[in-house]
N, C-alpha and C. Protein backbone atom coordinates (compact mmCIF):
# COMPACT_ATOMS: atom_id res chain seq x y z
N MET A 1 -214.19 151.62 61.54
CA MET A 1 -214.44 152.79 60.70
C MET A 1 -215.36 152.42 59.55
N LYS A 2 -216.22 153.36 59.21
CA LYS A 2 -217.11 153.15 58.07
C LYS A 2 -216.47 153.81 56.84
N ILE A 3 -215.98 152.99 55.96
CA ILE A 3 -215.40 153.48 54.71
C ILE A 3 -216.25 152.90 53.58
N VAL A 4 -216.78 153.78 52.76
CA VAL A 4 -217.71 153.40 51.70
C VAL A 4 -217.01 153.46 50.34
N GLY A 5 -217.24 152.44 49.54
CA GLY A 5 -216.74 152.44 48.17
C GLY A 5 -217.70 153.20 47.28
N LEU A 6 -217.18 154.06 46.44
CA LEU A 6 -217.98 154.81 45.48
C LEU A 6 -217.52 154.41 44.09
N LEU A 7 -218.42 153.87 43.30
CA LEU A 7 -218.10 153.43 41.94
C LEU A 7 -218.71 154.42 40.97
N LEU A 8 -217.87 155.12 40.23
CA LEU A 8 -218.36 156.11 39.26
C LEU A 8 -218.61 155.40 37.94
N ALA A 9 -219.90 155.25 37.61
CA ALA A 9 -220.33 154.47 36.44
C ALA A 9 -221.34 155.25 35.61
N ALA A 10 -221.13 156.57 35.51
CA ALA A 10 -222.11 157.41 34.82
C ALA A 10 -221.56 158.08 33.57
N GLY A 11 -220.40 157.62 33.10
CA GLY A 11 -219.81 158.23 31.90
C GLY A 11 -220.54 157.84 30.63
N THR A 12 -220.22 158.55 29.55
CA THR A 12 -220.91 158.30 28.28
C THR A 12 -220.19 157.31 27.38
N ALA A 13 -218.94 157.01 27.65
CA ALA A 13 -218.16 156.05 26.84
C ALA A 13 -218.07 156.48 25.39
N SER A 14 -217.97 157.76 25.15
CA SER A 14 -217.99 158.27 23.77
C SER A 14 -216.80 157.78 22.94
N ARG A 15 -215.64 157.57 23.55
CA ARG A 15 -214.47 157.11 22.79
C ARG A 15 -214.51 155.61 22.52
N PHE A 16 -215.31 154.87 23.27
CA PHE A 16 -215.37 153.42 23.12
C PHE A 16 -216.23 153.02 21.93
N GLY A 17 -217.23 153.83 21.64
CA GLY A 17 -218.10 153.54 20.50
C GLY A 17 -219.32 152.71 20.85
N ALA A 18 -219.45 152.29 22.10
CA ALA A 18 -220.59 151.52 22.58
C ALA A 18 -220.61 151.68 24.09
N ASP A 19 -221.54 151.03 24.76
CA ASP A 19 -221.58 151.11 26.22
C ASP A 19 -220.48 150.23 26.80
N LYS A 20 -219.34 150.84 27.05
CA LYS A 20 -218.18 150.06 27.50
C LYS A 20 -218.41 149.40 28.85
N LEU A 21 -219.21 149.99 29.70
CA LEU A 21 -219.40 149.42 31.02
C LEU A 21 -220.13 148.08 30.97
N LEU A 22 -220.90 147.86 29.90
CA LEU A 22 -221.59 146.58 29.71
C LEU A 22 -220.81 145.63 28.81
N HIS A 23 -219.71 146.12 28.22
CA HIS A 23 -218.88 145.28 27.35
C HIS A 23 -218.29 144.14 28.18
N ARG A 24 -218.38 142.95 27.63
CA ARG A 24 -217.91 141.77 28.37
C ARG A 24 -216.41 141.54 28.16
N LEU A 25 -215.74 141.28 29.27
CA LEU A 25 -214.33 140.91 29.24
C LEU A 25 -214.23 139.48 28.71
N PRO A 26 -213.04 139.00 28.37
CA PRO A 26 -212.90 137.66 27.81
C PRO A 26 -213.56 136.55 28.64
N HIS A 27 -213.63 136.70 29.94
CA HIS A 27 -214.25 135.67 30.79
C HIS A 27 -215.76 135.87 30.94
N GLY A 28 -216.32 136.83 30.19
CA GLY A 28 -217.77 137.00 30.13
C GLY A 28 -218.38 137.99 31.10
N VAL A 29 -217.59 138.58 31.97
CA VAL A 29 -218.11 139.53 32.96
C VAL A 29 -218.01 140.94 32.40
N PRO A 30 -219.09 141.74 32.48
CA PRO A 30 -219.03 143.12 32.01
C PRO A 30 -217.98 143.93 32.78
N ILE A 31 -217.40 144.90 32.10
CA ILE A 31 -216.34 145.73 32.67
C ILE A 31 -216.76 146.32 34.02
N ALA A 32 -217.93 146.97 34.09
CA ALA A 32 -218.36 147.61 35.33
C ALA A 32 -218.61 146.60 36.44
N VAL A 33 -219.10 145.43 36.09
CA VAL A 33 -219.36 144.40 37.10
C VAL A 33 -218.04 143.92 37.69
N GLN A 34 -217.02 143.74 36.85
CA GLN A 34 -215.71 143.32 37.35
C GLN A 34 -215.15 144.37 38.31
N ALA A 35 -215.26 145.65 37.93
CA ALA A 35 -214.78 146.72 38.81
C ALA A 35 -215.55 146.71 40.12
N ALA A 36 -216.86 146.50 40.06
CA ALA A 36 -217.70 146.47 41.26
C ALA A 36 -217.32 145.29 42.16
N ARG A 37 -217.09 144.14 41.56
CA ARG A 37 -216.72 142.96 42.36
C ARG A 37 -215.43 143.20 43.13
N HIS A 38 -214.46 143.80 42.47
CA HIS A 38 -213.20 144.06 43.15
C HIS A 38 -213.38 145.06 44.28
N LEU A 39 -214.19 146.09 44.05
CA LEU A 39 -214.44 147.09 45.08
C LEU A 39 -215.19 146.46 46.25
N ARG A 40 -216.20 145.64 45.96
CA ARG A 40 -216.99 144.99 47.00
C ARG A 40 -216.16 143.98 47.80
N SER A 41 -215.13 143.43 47.19
CA SER A 41 -214.31 142.47 47.93
C SER A 41 -213.52 143.14 49.05
N ALA A 42 -213.30 144.45 48.93
CA ALA A 42 -212.53 145.17 49.94
C ALA A 42 -213.40 146.05 50.83
N LEU A 43 -214.60 146.36 50.36
CA LEU A 43 -215.48 147.27 51.10
C LEU A 43 -216.90 146.70 51.11
N PRO A 44 -217.47 146.50 52.28
CA PRO A 44 -218.80 145.89 52.34
C PRO A 44 -219.91 146.77 51.78
N GLN A 45 -219.73 148.09 51.84
CA GLN A 45 -220.76 148.99 51.32
C GLN A 45 -220.22 149.73 50.10
N VAL A 46 -220.92 149.58 48.97
CA VAL A 46 -220.53 150.25 47.74
C VAL A 46 -221.76 150.92 47.13
N VAL A 47 -221.59 152.17 46.73
CA VAL A 47 -222.62 152.94 46.05
C VAL A 47 -222.10 153.28 44.67
N ALA A 48 -222.90 153.00 43.65
CA ALA A 48 -222.50 153.32 42.27
C ALA A 48 -223.38 154.43 41.73
N ALA A 49 -222.76 155.44 41.16
CA ALA A 49 -223.49 156.51 40.46
C ALA A 49 -223.59 156.11 38.99
N VAL A 50 -224.81 156.06 38.47
CA VAL A 50 -225.05 155.70 37.07
C VAL A 50 -225.81 156.83 36.39
N ARG A 51 -225.75 156.85 35.07
CA ARG A 51 -226.48 157.88 34.32
C ARG A 51 -227.94 157.43 34.15
N PRO A 52 -228.82 158.37 33.83
CA PRO A 52 -230.21 158.00 33.60
C PRO A 52 -230.34 156.96 32.49
N ALA A 53 -231.37 156.16 32.57
CA ALA A 53 -231.68 155.12 31.57
C ALA A 53 -230.59 154.05 31.49
N SER A 54 -230.02 153.70 32.62
CA SER A 54 -228.99 152.64 32.70
C SER A 54 -229.58 151.42 33.39
N ASP A 55 -230.75 151.03 32.97
CA ASP A 55 -231.48 149.95 33.65
C ASP A 55 -230.69 148.65 33.73
N GLU A 56 -230.08 148.25 32.63
CA GLU A 56 -229.33 146.99 32.61
C GLU A 56 -228.14 147.06 33.56
N LEU A 57 -227.40 148.17 33.53
CA LEU A 57 -226.26 148.34 34.42
C LEU A 57 -226.72 148.33 35.88
N GLU A 58 -227.81 149.02 36.18
CA GLU A 58 -228.34 149.04 37.54
C GLU A 58 -228.68 147.62 38.01
N ARG A 59 -229.32 146.85 37.14
CA ARG A 59 -229.71 145.48 37.48
C ARG A 59 -228.47 144.63 37.77
N LEU A 60 -227.46 144.73 36.91
CA LEU A 60 -226.25 143.94 37.09
C LEU A 60 -225.51 144.32 38.37
N LEU A 61 -225.43 145.61 38.65
CA LEU A 61 -224.72 146.05 39.86
C LEU A 61 -225.49 145.66 41.12
N ALA A 62 -226.81 145.76 41.06
CA ALA A 62 -227.63 145.35 42.22
C ALA A 62 -227.42 143.87 42.52
N ALA A 63 -227.26 143.06 41.49
CA ALA A 63 -227.02 141.63 41.68
C ALA A 63 -225.69 141.36 42.37
N GLU A 64 -224.78 142.34 42.33
CA GLU A 64 -223.48 142.23 42.98
C GLU A 64 -223.48 142.83 44.40
N GLY A 65 -224.66 143.28 44.85
CA GLY A 65 -224.75 143.88 46.18
C GLY A 65 -224.37 145.34 46.22
N VAL A 66 -224.39 145.99 45.07
CA VAL A 66 -224.03 147.41 44.97
C VAL A 66 -225.32 148.23 44.91
N ARG A 67 -225.39 149.26 45.74
CA ARG A 67 -226.53 150.17 45.70
C ARG A 67 -226.27 151.20 44.61
N THR A 68 -227.25 151.41 43.73
CA THR A 68 -227.06 152.38 42.66
C THR A 68 -227.88 153.63 42.92
N VAL A 69 -227.38 154.73 42.42
CA VAL A 69 -228.09 156.00 42.46
C VAL A 69 -227.99 156.60 41.07
N VAL A 70 -229.11 157.03 40.54
CA VAL A 70 -229.14 157.65 39.23
C VAL A 70 -228.73 159.11 39.39
N CYS A 71 -227.69 159.49 38.69
CA CYS A 71 -227.20 160.86 38.74
C CYS A 71 -227.80 161.64 37.58
N GLU A 72 -228.78 162.45 37.88
CA GLU A 72 -229.48 163.20 36.84
C GLU A 72 -228.56 164.20 36.15
N ARG A 73 -227.48 164.61 36.82
CA ARG A 73 -226.54 165.58 36.24
C ARG A 73 -225.30 164.90 35.67
N ALA A 74 -225.38 163.61 35.38
CA ALA A 74 -224.22 162.85 34.92
C ALA A 74 -223.57 163.46 33.68
N ALA A 75 -224.36 164.08 32.81
CA ALA A 75 -223.82 164.66 31.58
C ALA A 75 -222.82 165.78 31.87
N GLU A 76 -222.87 166.35 33.05
CA GLU A 76 -221.92 167.41 33.43
C GLU A 76 -220.50 166.87 33.56
N GLY A 77 -220.37 165.60 33.94
CA GLY A 77 -219.05 165.01 34.08
C GLY A 77 -218.83 164.31 35.40
N MET A 78 -217.60 163.88 35.61
CA MET A 78 -217.24 163.07 36.75
C MET A 78 -217.48 163.76 38.09
N GLY A 79 -217.29 165.06 38.14
CA GLY A 79 -217.50 165.78 39.40
C GLY A 79 -218.94 165.67 39.87
N ALA A 80 -219.87 165.84 38.94
CA ALA A 80 -221.29 165.73 39.29
C ALA A 80 -221.62 164.31 39.74
N SER A 81 -221.04 163.32 39.09
CA SER A 81 -221.30 161.92 39.47
C SER A 81 -220.73 161.61 40.85
N LEU A 82 -219.55 162.13 41.13
CA LEU A 82 -218.94 161.91 42.44
C LEU A 82 -219.78 162.58 43.53
N ALA A 83 -220.23 163.80 43.28
CA ALA A 83 -221.08 164.50 44.25
C ALA A 83 -222.34 163.69 44.53
N CYS A 84 -222.94 163.17 43.49
CA CYS A 84 -224.15 162.37 43.60
C CYS A 84 -223.89 161.11 44.45
N ALA A 85 -222.79 160.44 44.20
CA ALA A 85 -222.45 159.22 44.94
C ALA A 85 -222.19 159.52 46.41
N VAL A 86 -221.49 160.60 46.71
CA VAL A 86 -221.19 160.96 48.09
C VAL A 86 -222.49 161.29 48.83
N ARG A 87 -223.37 162.06 48.20
CA ARG A 87 -224.65 162.38 48.84
C ARG A 87 -225.45 161.10 49.12
N ALA A 88 -225.44 160.18 48.18
CA ALA A 88 -226.18 158.93 48.36
C ALA A 88 -225.55 158.06 49.46
N ALA A 89 -224.24 158.07 49.56
CA ALA A 89 -223.55 157.27 50.58
C ALA A 89 -223.78 157.81 51.97
N GLY A 90 -223.91 159.13 52.08
CA GLY A 90 -224.13 159.74 53.38
C GLY A 90 -222.89 159.77 54.25
N ALA A 91 -223.13 159.90 55.54
CA ALA A 91 -222.02 160.04 56.47
C ALA A 91 -221.17 158.78 56.51
N ALA A 92 -219.87 158.99 56.47
CA ALA A 92 -218.89 157.91 56.55
C ALA A 92 -217.59 158.50 57.06
N ASP A 93 -216.69 157.64 57.46
CA ASP A 93 -215.37 158.12 57.88
C ASP A 93 -214.48 158.40 56.68
N GLY A 94 -214.82 157.77 55.56
CA GLY A 94 -214.03 157.98 54.35
C GLY A 94 -214.69 157.29 53.18
N TYR A 95 -214.18 157.63 52.00
CA TYR A 95 -214.72 157.10 50.75
C TYR A 95 -213.56 156.62 49.89
N VAL A 96 -213.74 155.48 49.24
CA VAL A 96 -212.76 155.00 48.27
C VAL A 96 -213.43 155.13 46.91
N VAL A 97 -212.91 156.05 46.10
CA VAL A 97 -213.53 156.42 44.83
C VAL A 97 -212.87 155.62 43.71
N ALA A 98 -213.67 154.76 43.09
CA ALA A 98 -213.18 153.89 42.02
C ALA A 98 -213.93 154.21 40.73
N LEU A 99 -213.29 153.90 39.62
CA LEU A 99 -213.88 154.14 38.31
C LEU A 99 -214.35 152.82 37.71
N ALA A 100 -215.56 152.83 37.17
CA ALA A 100 -216.15 151.59 36.64
C ALA A 100 -215.47 151.11 35.38
N ASP A 101 -214.65 151.96 34.74
CA ASP A 101 -213.93 151.53 33.54
C ASP A 101 -212.51 151.08 33.85
N MET A 102 -212.28 150.72 35.12
CA MET A 102 -210.96 150.21 35.53
C MET A 102 -211.14 148.83 36.17
N PRO A 103 -211.44 147.81 35.36
CA PRO A 103 -211.74 146.49 35.92
C PRO A 103 -210.54 145.67 36.35
N PHE A 104 -209.34 146.18 36.09
CA PHE A 104 -208.14 145.40 36.37
C PHE A 104 -207.46 145.76 37.68
N VAL A 105 -208.04 146.69 38.45
CA VAL A 105 -207.48 147.04 39.76
C VAL A 105 -207.67 145.84 40.68
N ARG A 106 -206.60 145.40 41.29
CA ARG A 106 -206.66 144.24 42.17
C ARG A 106 -207.35 144.60 43.50
N PRO A 107 -208.10 143.67 44.05
CA PRO A 107 -208.71 143.91 45.36
C PRO A 107 -207.68 144.30 46.42
N SER A 108 -206.48 143.76 46.33
CA SER A 108 -205.45 144.09 47.32
C SER A 108 -205.05 145.56 47.26
N SER A 109 -205.09 146.15 46.07
CA SER A 109 -204.77 147.58 45.94
C SER A 109 -205.87 148.42 46.56
N ILE A 110 -207.11 148.02 46.33
CA ILE A 110 -208.25 148.72 46.94
C ILE A 110 -208.16 148.63 48.46
N ALA A 111 -207.85 147.45 48.96
CA ALA A 111 -207.72 147.25 50.40
C ALA A 111 -206.58 148.09 50.98
N ALA A 112 -205.51 148.26 50.23
CA ALA A 112 -204.39 149.07 50.72
C ALA A 112 -204.79 150.53 50.86
N VAL A 113 -205.58 151.04 49.92
CA VAL A 113 -206.07 152.42 50.02
C VAL A 113 -207.04 152.53 51.20
N ARG A 114 -207.93 151.57 51.33
CA ARG A 114 -208.86 151.54 52.47
C ARG A 114 -208.09 151.55 53.79
N ASP A 115 -207.06 150.72 53.87
CA ASP A 115 -206.28 150.62 55.10
C ASP A 115 -205.56 151.93 55.42
N ALA A 116 -205.11 152.64 54.40
CA ALA A 116 -204.46 153.94 54.62
C ALA A 116 -205.46 154.93 55.22
N LEU A 117 -206.69 154.93 54.71
CA LEU A 117 -207.72 155.80 55.30
C LEU A 117 -207.99 155.39 56.75
N ALA A 118 -208.13 154.10 56.98
CA ALA A 118 -208.42 153.60 58.32
C ALA A 118 -207.30 153.96 59.30
N ALA A 119 -206.07 154.09 58.79
CA ALA A 119 -204.93 154.44 59.63
C ALA A 119 -204.80 155.94 59.85
N GLY A 120 -205.72 156.73 59.26
CA GLY A 120 -205.71 158.17 59.52
C GLY A 120 -205.37 159.07 58.35
N ALA A 121 -205.10 158.51 57.18
CA ALA A 121 -204.80 159.36 56.03
C ALA A 121 -206.05 160.17 55.66
N VAL A 122 -205.85 161.42 55.26
CA VAL A 122 -206.99 162.21 54.79
C VAL A 122 -207.18 162.02 53.29
N LEU A 123 -206.10 161.67 52.61
CA LEU A 123 -206.13 161.33 51.19
C LEU A 123 -205.14 160.19 50.98
N ALA A 124 -205.51 159.25 50.11
CA ALA A 124 -204.62 158.13 49.82
C ALA A 124 -204.84 157.69 48.39
N ALA A 125 -203.75 157.29 47.74
CA ALA A 125 -203.86 156.80 46.37
C ALA A 125 -202.77 155.78 46.11
N PRO A 126 -203.08 154.78 45.28
CA PRO A 126 -202.07 153.79 44.93
C PRO A 126 -201.09 154.37 43.90
N TYR A 127 -199.85 153.96 44.01
CA TYR A 127 -198.82 154.38 43.05
C TYR A 127 -198.17 153.14 42.46
N PHE A 128 -198.13 153.12 41.14
CA PHE A 128 -197.47 152.04 40.43
C PHE A 128 -196.38 152.67 39.58
N HIS A 129 -195.13 152.31 39.84
CA HIS A 129 -193.96 152.87 39.13
C HIS A 129 -194.02 154.40 39.12
N ALA A 130 -194.26 154.98 40.28
CA ALA A 130 -194.28 156.43 40.49
C ALA A 130 -195.44 157.13 39.81
N ARG A 131 -196.42 156.40 39.32
CA ARG A 131 -197.62 157.01 38.71
C ARG A 131 -198.81 156.83 39.63
N ARG A 132 -199.49 157.94 39.91
CA ARG A 132 -200.67 157.87 40.77
C ARG A 132 -201.81 157.21 40.01
N GLY A 133 -202.50 156.32 40.69
CA GLY A 133 -203.61 155.61 40.06
C GLY A 133 -204.89 155.72 40.85
N HIS A 134 -205.77 154.78 40.61
CA HIS A 134 -207.07 154.71 41.28
C HIS A 134 -207.21 153.35 41.95
N PRO A 135 -208.03 153.26 42.95
CA PRO A 135 -208.96 154.25 43.47
C PRO A 135 -208.28 155.24 44.40
N VAL A 136 -208.97 156.34 44.66
CA VAL A 136 -208.47 157.37 45.55
C VAL A 136 -209.28 157.33 46.84
N GLY A 137 -208.59 157.35 47.95
CA GLY A 137 -209.25 157.39 49.25
C GLY A 137 -209.35 158.83 49.73
N ILE A 138 -210.53 159.20 50.19
CA ILE A 138 -210.79 160.57 50.63
C ILE A 138 -211.51 160.51 51.97
N SER A 139 -210.98 161.21 52.96
CA SER A 139 -211.59 161.17 54.29
C SER A 139 -212.85 162.03 54.33
N ALA A 140 -213.63 161.81 55.37
CA ALA A 140 -214.88 162.56 55.57
C ALA A 140 -214.63 164.06 55.73
N ARG A 141 -213.42 164.44 56.02
CA ARG A 141 -213.09 165.86 56.15
C ARG A 141 -213.50 166.64 54.90
N PHE A 142 -213.51 165.97 53.76
CA PHE A 142 -213.83 166.65 52.49
C PHE A 142 -215.26 166.39 52.01
N ARG A 143 -216.09 165.80 52.87
CA ARG A 143 -217.44 165.42 52.42
C ARG A 143 -218.22 166.60 51.85
N ALA A 144 -218.28 167.71 52.57
CA ALA A 144 -219.07 168.86 52.10
C ALA A 144 -218.56 169.36 50.75
N GLU A 145 -217.26 169.38 50.59
CA GLU A 145 -216.66 169.82 49.32
C GLU A 145 -216.99 168.83 48.20
N LEU A 146 -216.93 167.55 48.50
CA LEU A 146 -217.25 166.53 47.50
C LEU A 146 -218.71 166.64 47.04
N GLU A 147 -219.60 166.93 47.98
CA GLU A 147 -221.02 167.01 47.65
C GLU A 147 -221.37 168.17 46.74
N THR A 148 -220.48 169.14 46.61
CA THR A 148 -220.77 170.31 45.76
C THR A 148 -220.01 170.28 44.44
N LEU A 149 -219.30 169.20 44.17
CA LEU A 149 -218.53 169.12 42.92
C LEU A 149 -219.44 169.15 41.70
N GLY A 150 -218.88 169.62 40.61
CA GLY A 150 -219.58 169.62 39.33
C GLY A 150 -218.55 169.51 38.23
N GLY A 151 -218.99 169.53 37.00
CA GLY A 151 -218.06 169.47 35.88
C GLY A 151 -217.38 168.13 35.78
N ASP A 152 -216.22 168.12 35.13
CA ASP A 152 -215.55 166.86 34.83
C ASP A 152 -214.25 166.64 35.61
N GLU A 153 -213.97 167.49 36.58
CA GLU A 153 -212.68 167.35 37.24
C GLU A 153 -212.66 166.34 38.37
N GLY A 154 -213.79 165.85 38.81
CA GLY A 154 -213.79 164.90 39.91
C GLY A 154 -213.14 165.51 41.14
N ALA A 155 -212.36 164.73 41.85
CA ALA A 155 -211.72 165.21 43.08
C ALA A 155 -210.31 165.72 42.82
N ARG A 156 -209.97 165.93 41.57
CA ARG A 156 -208.61 166.35 41.20
C ARG A 156 -208.17 167.60 41.95
N ARG A 157 -209.07 168.60 42.06
CA ARG A 157 -208.71 169.86 42.72
C ARG A 157 -208.43 169.63 44.20
N ILE A 158 -209.24 168.79 44.85
CA ILE A 158 -209.03 168.50 46.27
C ILE A 158 -207.66 167.84 46.47
N VAL A 159 -207.35 166.88 45.64
CA VAL A 159 -206.07 166.18 45.75
C VAL A 159 -204.92 167.16 45.49
N ALA A 160 -205.07 168.04 44.49
CA ALA A 160 -204.02 169.00 44.18
C ALA A 160 -203.82 170.00 45.32
N MET A 161 -204.90 170.49 45.89
CA MET A 161 -204.80 171.48 46.96
C MET A 161 -204.22 170.91 48.25
N HIS A 162 -204.39 169.61 48.45
CA HIS A 162 -203.94 168.98 49.69
C HIS A 162 -202.91 167.88 49.42
N GLY A 163 -202.16 168.06 48.35
CA GLY A 163 -201.18 167.06 47.93
C GLY A 163 -200.17 166.69 49.00
N ALA A 164 -199.83 167.64 49.86
CA ALA A 164 -198.86 167.34 50.91
C ALA A 164 -199.40 166.33 51.91
N GLU A 165 -200.72 166.19 51.96
CA GLU A 165 -201.34 165.25 52.90
C GLU A 165 -201.67 163.91 52.25
N LEU A 166 -201.40 163.77 50.97
CA LEU A 166 -201.69 162.54 50.25
C LEU A 166 -200.73 161.43 50.66
N VAL A 167 -201.29 160.32 51.11
CA VAL A 167 -200.47 159.15 51.42
C VAL A 167 -200.34 158.35 50.14
N LYS A 168 -199.10 158.18 49.72
CA LYS A 168 -198.81 157.41 48.50
C LYS A 168 -198.66 155.94 48.90
N VAL A 169 -199.53 155.11 48.32
CA VAL A 169 -199.54 153.70 48.65
C VAL A 169 -198.88 152.93 47.51
N PRO A 170 -197.64 152.46 47.69
CA PRO A 170 -196.98 151.73 46.60
C PRO A 170 -197.62 150.36 46.38
N VAL A 171 -197.92 150.05 45.13
CA VAL A 171 -198.51 148.75 44.79
C VAL A 171 -197.80 148.18 43.57
N GLY A 172 -197.80 146.89 43.46
CA GLY A 172 -197.24 146.22 42.29
C GLY A 172 -198.35 145.85 41.33
N ASP A 173 -199.28 146.74 41.13
CA ASP A 173 -200.50 146.46 40.39
C ASP A 173 -200.66 147.44 39.22
N PRO A 174 -200.36 147.01 37.99
CA PRO A 174 -200.53 147.91 36.85
C PRO A 174 -202.00 148.27 36.59
N GLY A 175 -202.92 147.51 37.19
CA GLY A 175 -204.35 147.80 37.01
C GLY A 175 -204.75 149.15 37.55
N VAL A 176 -204.00 149.71 38.50
CA VAL A 176 -204.38 151.00 39.09
C VAL A 176 -204.21 152.15 38.12
N ILE A 177 -203.48 151.94 37.03
CA ILE A 177 -203.30 153.00 36.04
C ILE A 177 -203.88 152.61 34.68
N ARG A 178 -204.62 151.52 34.64
CA ARG A 178 -205.13 151.01 33.36
C ARG A 178 -206.64 151.17 33.26
N ASP A 179 -207.07 152.21 32.56
CA ASP A 179 -208.50 152.37 32.34
C ASP A 179 -208.84 152.00 30.91
N ILE A 180 -210.11 151.77 30.67
CA ILE A 180 -210.59 151.35 29.36
C ILE A 180 -211.32 152.52 28.71
N ASP A 181 -210.71 153.12 27.70
CA ASP A 181 -211.36 154.20 26.96
C ASP A 181 -211.79 153.77 25.56
N ARG A 182 -210.99 152.89 24.96
CA ARG A 182 -211.24 152.41 23.60
C ARG A 182 -211.15 150.88 23.59
N PRO A 183 -211.76 150.22 22.61
CA PRO A 183 -211.67 148.76 22.56
C PRO A 183 -210.23 148.25 22.57
N ALA A 184 -209.30 149.00 21.97
CA ALA A 184 -207.90 148.57 21.94
C ALA A 184 -207.29 148.49 23.34
N ASP A 185 -207.87 149.23 24.30
CA ASP A 185 -207.35 149.22 25.68
C ASP A 185 -207.60 147.88 26.37
N LEU A 186 -208.43 147.03 25.77
CA LEU A 186 -208.71 145.72 26.35
C LEU A 186 -207.63 144.69 26.02
N ALA A 187 -206.77 145.01 25.06
CA ALA A 187 -205.70 144.09 24.70
C ALA A 187 -204.74 143.94 25.87
N PRO A 188 -204.22 142.74 26.07
CA PRO A 188 -203.27 142.55 27.18
C PRO A 188 -202.09 143.51 27.04
N PRO A 189 -201.66 144.10 28.17
CA PRO A 189 -200.52 145.02 28.09
C PRO A 189 -199.25 144.27 27.68
N ILE A 190 -198.40 144.98 26.97
CA ILE A 190 -197.12 144.40 26.55
C ILE A 190 -196.14 144.54 27.70
N VAL A 191 -195.56 143.44 28.12
CA VAL A 191 -194.61 143.45 29.23
C VAL A 191 -193.22 143.60 28.66
N ALA A 192 -192.52 144.61 29.14
CA ALA A 192 -191.16 144.90 28.64
C ALA A 192 -190.15 144.03 29.34
């Protein structure tokens, strides 16, 4: 099966105060590059949607084997970026939609979502302690709908409308629910 990874990397990072996707993690790797590496470890083909004038990000992602597409409508929100990425990826049996500001998702969690799609799920998402996380797997059945998305809702409406068909993939990975919105989000999580 051809399952393509889609990395949404076209946000404005307004709450972070700087370009968070280029912000380096303690080991020196930019946030978006770490997310891309994890996605590429589970999926041989990855397409990243970036906003206009993201030359440095494009260069870094290309060095990781990720094909980038500039989303001219990125300012509209995540839905427009997802539509752009799906159109660029073209025909596939499914898509694993990951967020570039989630660098802590383990490759094994991505692979579990991929495997759920490969086993016939039309929608799949990792769950950590009963919380739905990312990435989300979406079958080709929704390709036309994905290509027409706009605004900031991403695939939320598709998942909500077809929730009964969502395969919940349990994972022991807190990274699936940990995104980076502010610099404080980079602090190690407190373990209870």
